[in-house]
Amino acid sequence: MISRETYRAESPCICNITQIMFLITPTNINLGYNVKSTLVSIVHTSDPVEGPKRALDMIGADKILERYQRILIKPNYVNASLPSTGVTTDPRVVRSIVEYLLARGWSKDEFAVGEGGMANYNTMETFKTVGLVDQLKDLDVKLIDLNNEPHVEVNIPKGKSLKSVKVARSFADYDCILSVPKLKVHCWSLSTLSMKNMMGGILPKGIMHDDLHQKIVDLNRAFGPELTVIDGIIGCQGHELACDPINSDVIIAGEDFVATDAVGSFLMGLCEDEVPYLSLANKAGLGENRLENIEYRGEEISKLRKHYRM
């Protein structure tokens, strides 16, 4: 996994530029990748405030986060659809995570919320439309438009289809990405969860659409999230943007982003071998996609499984 510390060490002048793209070849890559716990929590709840906190407690998230210094919370605000549509992350879930961090000693200067939506949307306006600004205004949390930041070009060693990628400065500056995707189907990738959520930090996003499954894996080689909380209270079936919302009443959390995405995919009715990027990620050593090898806390996933319309 590429360390964002390498980026900061090699690019001390980044904060003084606004347009320049750097090409960085990190030098301290763990070619075996970090071994992450396959523990995944599944909380059956319709409560977007207490549910995420319970899910995080069940996996010992406070101990996981002790390894890091700065956290970038990355929700899914691909467009300005209201959370009730199932397309975007419920801002109350984001607030819950912020409250969780503050209650465990993190200061508001040590984390931020960042997203880069579709090019035809103003991300800061989207934050207002979906209710995120109102949810966080009393907590004074920094909000970042990842599309509007300087981007740095990072080489991806072992990348098969995506050899390098231009990522938002914050993806490199923050040493922990906490991904907060929706429980959603996708017309091309079948599921769009924590791993695909990382596309919000890159430009141009269109480079991903050819050989999408392999490129999702390659992107996560470099910038896979350190922690995941999937908002599945209202899920998205039918289409990732023209969604038919479905009540799934579930929050999923885990350190292994492949495992969390495998569980999320299963809860939408997909089998582990149906989603190519999950199988590819497992073969690449990024995480565990085989359900029998995942450790669970909370509800039995078979009891919460639905069959989302694709």
Protein backbone atom coordinates (compact mmCIF):
# COMPACT_ATOMS: atom_id res chain seq x y z
CA MET A 1 0.00 0.00 0.00
CA ILE A 2 1.38 3.40 -0.94
CA SER A 3 2.06 5.54 2.10
CA ARG A 4 0.79 9.11 1.92
CA GLU A 5 3.70 9.99 4.21
CA THR A 6 6.01 9.41 1.24
CA TYR A 7 4.11 11.99 -0.74
CA ARG A 8 4.42 14.61 2.00
CA ALA A 9 8.13 13.97 2.39
CA GLU A 10 8.79 14.26 -1.33
CA SER A 11 6.53 17.26 -2.02
CA PRO A 12 7.08 19.90 0.67
CA CYS A 13 5.97 22.70 -1.67
CA ILE A 14 2.54 21.32 -2.47
CA CYS A 15 0.65 23.75 -0.25
CA ASN A 16 2.01 26.69 -2.24
CA ILE A 17 0.70 25.63 -5.63
CA THR A 18 -2.75 25.57 -7.15
CA GLN A 19 -2.48 24.09 -10.63
CA ILE A 20 0.77 22.15 -10.99
CA MET A 21 0.65 18.37 -11.34
CA PHE A 22 3.54 16.41 -9.80
CA LEU A 23 4.69 12.95 -10.80
CA ILE A 24 5.60 10.95 -7.72
CA THR A 25 7.07 7.49 -7.49
CA PRO A 26 6.71 6.37 -3.86
CA THR A 27 9.68 4.47 -2.51
CA ASN A 28 8.43 2.72 0.61
CA ILE A 29 5.68 0.51 -0.77
CA ASN A 30 4.77 -2.61 1.15
CA LEU A 31 4.70 -5.02 -1.78
CA GLY A 32 3.04 -7.66 0.36
CA TYR A 33 0.40 -5.11 1.41
CA ASN A 34 -0.72 -4.46 4.96
CA VAL A 35 -2.44 -7.33 6.69
CA LYS A 36 -5.81 -6.04 7.84
CA SER A 37 -8.36 -7.62 10.11
CA THR A 38 -11.18 -9.36 8.25
CA LEU A 39 -13.56 -8.53 11.08
CA VAL A 40 -16.75 -6.96 9.71
CA SER A 41 -19.63 -5.65 11.82
CA ILE A 42 -23.23 -5.78 10.63
CA VAL A 43 -25.73 -3.66 12.55
CA HIS A 44 -29.43 -4.04 11.77
CA THR A 45 -30.73 -0.51 12.32
CA SER A 46 -32.69 2.37 10.88
CA ASP A 47 -30.84 4.82 13.13
CA PRO A 48 -28.21 6.79 11.15
CA VAL A 49 -26.73 8.29 14.32
CA GLU A 50 -26.31 5.41 16.75
CA GLY A 51 -25.96 2.67 14.11
CA PRO A 52 -22.56 3.76 12.75
CA LYS A 53 -21.18 4.24 16.26
CA ARG A 54 -22.23 0.74 17.23
CA ALA A 55 -20.71 -0.71 14.07
CA LEU A 56 -17.42 1.10 14.72
CA ASP A 57 -17.30 -0.03 18.34
CA MET A 58 -17.88 -3.64 17.34
CA ILE A 59 -14.71 -3.72 15.21
CA GLY A 60 -12.59 -1.75 17.71
CA ALA A 61 -12.25 1.19 15.34
CA ASP A 62 -10.72 3.40 18.02
CA LYS A 63 -7.71 1.08 18.21
CA ILE A 64 -7.42 0.92 14.41
CA LEU A 65 -7.48 4.70 14.12
CA GLU A 66 -4.73 5.11 16.75
CA ARG A 67 -2.21 4.23 14.00
CA TYR A 68 -3.00 7.39 12.05
CA GLN A 69 -2.59 11.13 12.48
CA ARG A 70 -5.11 12.65 10.05
CA ILE A 71 -8.40 11.24 8.80
CA LEU A 72 -10.19 12.07 5.56
CA ILE A 73 -13.85 11.02 5.74
CA LYS A 74 -14.92 10.19 2.17
CA PRO A 75 -18.70 9.87 1.68
CA ASN A 76 -20.47 9.28 -1.65
CA TYR A 77 -21.89 12.50 -3.07
CA VAL A 78 -21.51 11.61 -6.71
CA ASN A 79 -24.29 14.11 -7.44
CA ALA A 80 -26.79 16.24 -5.56
CA SER A 81 -29.46 13.55 -5.15
CA LEU A 82 -31.05 13.59 -1.72
CA PRO A 83 -30.07 10.73 0.60
CA SER A 84 -33.70 9.54 0.61
CA THR A 85 -33.21 8.46 -3.02
CA GLY A 86 -30.55 5.91 -1.99
CA VAL A 87 -27.95 7.54 -4.24
CA THR A 88 -25.96 9.51 -1.67
CA THR A 89 -24.64 8.97 1.85
CA ASP A 90 -26.97 10.10 4.61
CA PRO A 91 -25.24 13.15 6.16
CA ARG A 92 -26.43 11.98 9.58
CA VAL A 93 -24.16 8.96 9.13
CA VAL A 94 -21.26 11.32 8.43
CA ARG A 95 -22.12 13.35 11.51
CA SER A 96 -22.25 10.15 13.57
CA ILE A 97 -18.70 9.31 12.51
CA VAL A 98 -17.54 12.84 13.32
CA GLU A 99 -19.12 12.57 16.78
CA TYR A 100 -17.43 9.20 17.23
CA LEU A 101 -14.04 10.74 16.49
CA LEU A 102 -14.58 13.78 18.72
CA ALA A 103 -15.72 11.58 21.60
CA ARG A 104 -12.46 9.61 21.35
CA GLY A 105 -10.15 12.58 21.53
CA TRP A 106 -9.71 13.57 17.90
CA SER A 107 -9.73 17.33 17.33
CA LYS A 108 -11.59 18.89 14.41
CA ASP A 109 -8.21 19.92 12.99
CA GLU A 110 -7.16 16.28 12.66
CA PHE A 111 -9.90 15.23 10.25
CA ALA A 112 -12.00 16.56 7.37
CA VAL A 113 -14.80 15.48 5.05
CA GLY A 114 -13.91 15.39 1.37
CA GLU A 115 -15.59 14.38 -1.88
CA GLY A 116 -15.25 14.98 -5.60
CA GLY A 117 -18.49 14.30 -7.43
CA MET A 118 -19.38 14.22 -11.10
CA ALA A 119 -17.77 16.97 -13.15
CA ASN A 120 -21.05 18.75 -13.88
CA TYR A 121 -21.78 19.22 -10.17
CA ASN A 122 -20.28 21.77 -7.80
CA THR A 123 -19.28 19.64 -4.84
CA MET A 124 -19.60 22.44 -2.27
CA GLU A 125 -23.13 23.16 -3.50
CA THR A 126 -23.88 19.45 -3.35
CA PHE A 127 -22.78 19.43 0.31
CA LYS A 128 -25.48 22.06 0.95
CA THR A 129 -28.18 20.37 -1.11
CA VAL A 130 -27.84 16.94 0.51
CA GLY A 131 -27.88 18.44 4.01
CA LEU A 132 -24.25 17.84 4.97
CA VAL A 133 -23.51 21.50 5.70
CA ASP A 134 -26.49 21.75 8.04
CA GLN A 135 -25.55 18.53 9.80
CA LEU A 136 -21.98 19.62 10.49
CA LYS A 137 -22.25 23.39 10.91
CA ASP A 138 -22.24 23.32 14.71
CA LEU A 139 -19.17 21.05 14.73
CA ASP A 140 -17.03 23.32 12.52
CA VAL A 141 -15.71 20.44 10.41
CA LYS A 142 -13.60 21.22 7.35
CA LEU A 143 -15.27 20.33 4.04
CA ILE A 144 -13.10 19.72 0.97
CA ASP A 145 -14.01 19.69 -2.71
CA LEU A 146 -11.55 17.09 -3.95
CA ASN A 147 -12.16 18.09 -7.57
CA ASN A 148 -11.03 21.63 -6.88
CA GLU A 149 -7.74 20.77 -5.17
CA PRO A 150 -4.30 20.51 -6.76
CA HIS A 151 -3.80 16.94 -7.97
CA VAL A 152 -0.62 14.90 -7.77
CA GLU A 153 0.25 12.11 -10.16
CA VAL A 154 1.18 8.91 -8.36
CA ASN A 155 2.72 5.86 -9.98
CA ILE A 156 1.05 2.55 -9.09
CA PRO A 157 3.62 -0.24 -8.91
CA LYS A 158 2.07 -3.57 -9.92
CA GLY A 159 -0.84 -1.71 -11.49
CA LYS A 160 -2.02 -3.81 -14.41
CA SER A 161 -4.37 -1.43 -16.18
CA LEU A 162 -3.97 1.79 -14.21
CA LYS A 163 -0.24 2.55 -14.10
CA SER A 164 -0.53 6.01 -12.56
CA VAL A 165 -3.32 8.27 -11.38
CA LYS A 166 -3.84 11.94 -10.55
CA VAL A 167 -5.26 12.16 -7.04
CA ALA A 168 -6.47 15.08 -4.98
CA ARG A 169 -3.89 16.52 -2.64
CA SER A 170 -5.90 15.43 0.40
CA PHE A 171 -5.79 11.79 -0.69
CA ALA A 172 -2.05 12.05 -0.28
CA ASP A 173 -1.95 14.44 2.71
CA TYR A 174 -4.22 12.43 4.99
CA ASP A 175 -2.76 9.13 6.14
CA CYS A 176 -6.18 7.58 6.80
CA ILE A 177 -9.10 7.50 4.39
CA LEU A 178 -12.36 6.56 6.06
CA SER A 179 -14.71 5.56 3.27
CA VAL A 180 -18.46 6.06 3.82
CA PRO A 181 -20.20 4.75 0.69
CA LYS A 182 -23.83 3.86 0.05
CA LEU A 183 -25.12 0.31 -0.38
CA LYS A 184 -25.64 0.54 -4.16
CA VAL A 185 -25.75 -1.47 -7.34
CA HIS A 186 -23.89 -0.29 -10.43
CA CYS A 187 -24.64 -1.00 -14.07
CA TRP A 188 -20.99 -1.78 -14.90
CA SER A 189 -19.29 -2.87 -11.68
CA LEU A 190 -22.45 -4.54 -10.24
CA SER A 191 -21.79 -3.10 -6.78
CA THR A 192 -20.39 0.32 -5.93
CA LEU A 193 -19.20 0.41 -2.35
CA SER A 194 -15.97 1.33 -0.54
CA MET A 195 -13.45 0.47 -3.26
CA LYS A 196 -15.24 2.27 -6.08
CA ASN A 197 -15.88 5.20 -3.75
CA MET A 198 -12.17 6.06 -4.12
CA MET A 199 -12.91 7.35 -7.63
CA GLY A 200 -14.11 10.54 -5.95
CA GLY A 201 -10.50 11.48 -5.27
CA ILE A 202 -9.16 11.27 -8.82
CA LEU A 203 -9.23 13.30 -12.02
CA PRO A 204 -10.18 12.69 -14.72
CA LYS A 205 -12.70 10.10 -13.58
CA GLY A 206 -13.38 8.93 -17.12
CA ILE A 207 -10.05 7.07 -17.24
CA MET A 208 -11.62 4.38 -15.07
CA HIS A 209 -14.41 3.34 -17.40
CA ASP A 210 -12.29 1.19 -19.70
CA ASP A 211 -11.37 -2.05 -17.91
CA LEU A 212 -13.24 -0.78 -14.85
CA HIS A 213 -12.87 -3.83 -12.58
CA GLN A 214 -9.10 -4.02 -12.90
CA LYS A 215 -8.73 -0.27 -12.53
CA ILE A 216 -10.76 -0.30 -9.32
CA VAL A 217 -8.27 -2.82 -7.97
CA ASP A 218 -5.27 -0.83 -9.21
CA LEU A 219 -6.59 2.40 -7.66
CA ASN A 220 -7.06 0.64 -4.33
CA ARG A 221 -3.50 -0.70 -4.48
CA ALA A 222 -2.44 2.89 -4.04
CA PHE A 223 -5.32 4.51 -2.15
CA GLY A 224 -7.48 1.84 -0.60
CA PRO A 225 -9.30 3.15 2.48
CA GLU A 226 -8.02 2.37 5.95
CA LEU A 227 -11.53 2.02 7.36
CA THR A 228 -15.01 1.62 5.86
CA VAL A 229 -18.53 2.37 7.07
CA ILE A 230 -21.22 1.45 4.52
CA ASP A 231 -24.52 3.32 4.81
CA GLY A 232 -27.10 0.69 3.92
CA ILE A 233 -30.09 2.08 5.79
CA ILE A 234 -31.61 3.05 2.45
CA GLY A 235 -30.02 1.10 -0.37
CA CYS A 236 -29.95 1.77 -4.09
CA GLN A 237 -31.26 -0.73 -6.61
CA GLY A 238 -31.95 -0.50 -10.33
CA HIS A 239 -29.28 2.06 -11.28
CA GLU A 240 -26.58 3.89 -9.36
CA LEU A 241 -27.94 7.32 -10.33
CA ALA A 242 -31.58 6.67 -11.25
CA CYS A 243 -32.18 4.75 -8.08
CA ASP A 244 -35.17 2.82 -6.83
CA PRO A 245 -34.58 3.16 -3.07
CA ILE A 246 -34.96 0.08 -0.89
CA ASN A 247 -34.93 -0.15 2.89
CA SER A 248 -32.13 -2.47 3.99
CA ASP A 249 -31.67 -1.00 7.48
CA VAL A 250 -28.04 -2.00 7.84
CA ILE A 251 -24.68 -0.42 8.66
CA ILE A 252 -21.53 -2.35 7.75
CA ALA A 253 -18.07 -1.51 9.08
CA GLY A 254 -14.62 -3.03 8.69
CA GLU A 255 -10.93 -2.45 8.18
CA ASP A 256 -10.59 -4.78 5.19
CA PHE A 257 -12.24 -2.90 2.33
CA VAL A 258 -12.49 -6.03 0.19
CA ALA A 259 -14.28 -7.88 2.98
CA THR A 260 -16.69 -5.03 3.67
CA ASP A 261 -17.50 -4.74 -0.03
CA ALA A 262 -17.98 -8.50 -0.28
CA VAL A 263 -20.45 -8.41 2.61
CA GLY A 264 -22.23 -5.40 1.13
CA SER A 265 -22.47 -7.11 -2.25
CA PHE A 266 -23.88 -10.25 -0.62
CA LEU A 267 -26.52 -8.23 1.22
CA MET A 268 -27.71 -6.91 -2.15
CA GLY A 269 -28.09 -10.45 -3.49
CA LEU A 270 -24.77 -10.82 -5.29
CA CYS A 271 -22.45 -13.79 -4.82
CA GLU A 272 -18.76 -13.30 -4.06
CA ASP A 273 -17.67 -14.70 -7.43
CA GLU A 274 -20.12 -12.53 -9.38
CA VAL A 275 -18.26 -9.27 -8.77
CA PRO A 276 -15.01 -9.32 -10.74
CA TYR A 277 -13.23 -6.49 -8.91
CA LEU A 278 -13.63 -8.33 -5.61
CA SER A 279 -12.13 -11.53 -6.99
CA LEU A 280 -9.30 -9.56 -8.60
CA ALA A 281 -8.65 -7.68 -5.35
CA ASN A 282 -8.42 -10.94 -3.44
CA LYS A 283 -5.97 -12.38 -5.96
CA ALA A 284 -3.91 -9.20 -5.69
CA GLY A 285 -3.64 -9.63 -1.93
CA LEU A 286 -5.68 -6.54 -1.08
CA GLY A 287 -8.21 -8.29 1.12
CA GLU A 288 -10.63 -11.13 1.64
CA ASN A 289 -13.66 -11.65 -0.59
CA ARG A 290 -14.55 -15.19 0.46
CA LEU A 291 -17.42 -14.97 2.89
CA GLU A 292 -16.39 -18.09 4.79
CA ASN A 293 -13.04 -16.47 5.63
CA ILE A 294 -14.54 -13.27 7.04
CA GLU A 295 -15.10 -12.83 10.78
CA TYR A 296 -18.45 -11.32 11.69
CA ARG A 297 -19.89 -9.31 14.56
CA GLY A 298 -23.58 -8.52 14.84
CA GLU A 299 -26.44 -9.77 12.72
CA GLU A 300 -26.29 -12.88 10.56
CA ILE A 301 -25.88 -11.66 7.00
CA SER A 302 -28.18 -14.34 5.62
CA LYS A 303 -31.07 -12.87 7.62
CA LEU A 304 -30.56 -9.38 6.21
CA ARG A 305 -29.93 -10.36 2.60
CA LYS A 306 -32.15 -8.87 -0.07
CA HIS A 307 -32.09 -9.27 -3.82
CA TYR A 308 -31.63 -5.84 -5.31
CA ARG A 309 -32.91 -5.25 -8.80
CA MET A 310 -29.96 -4.68 -11.12
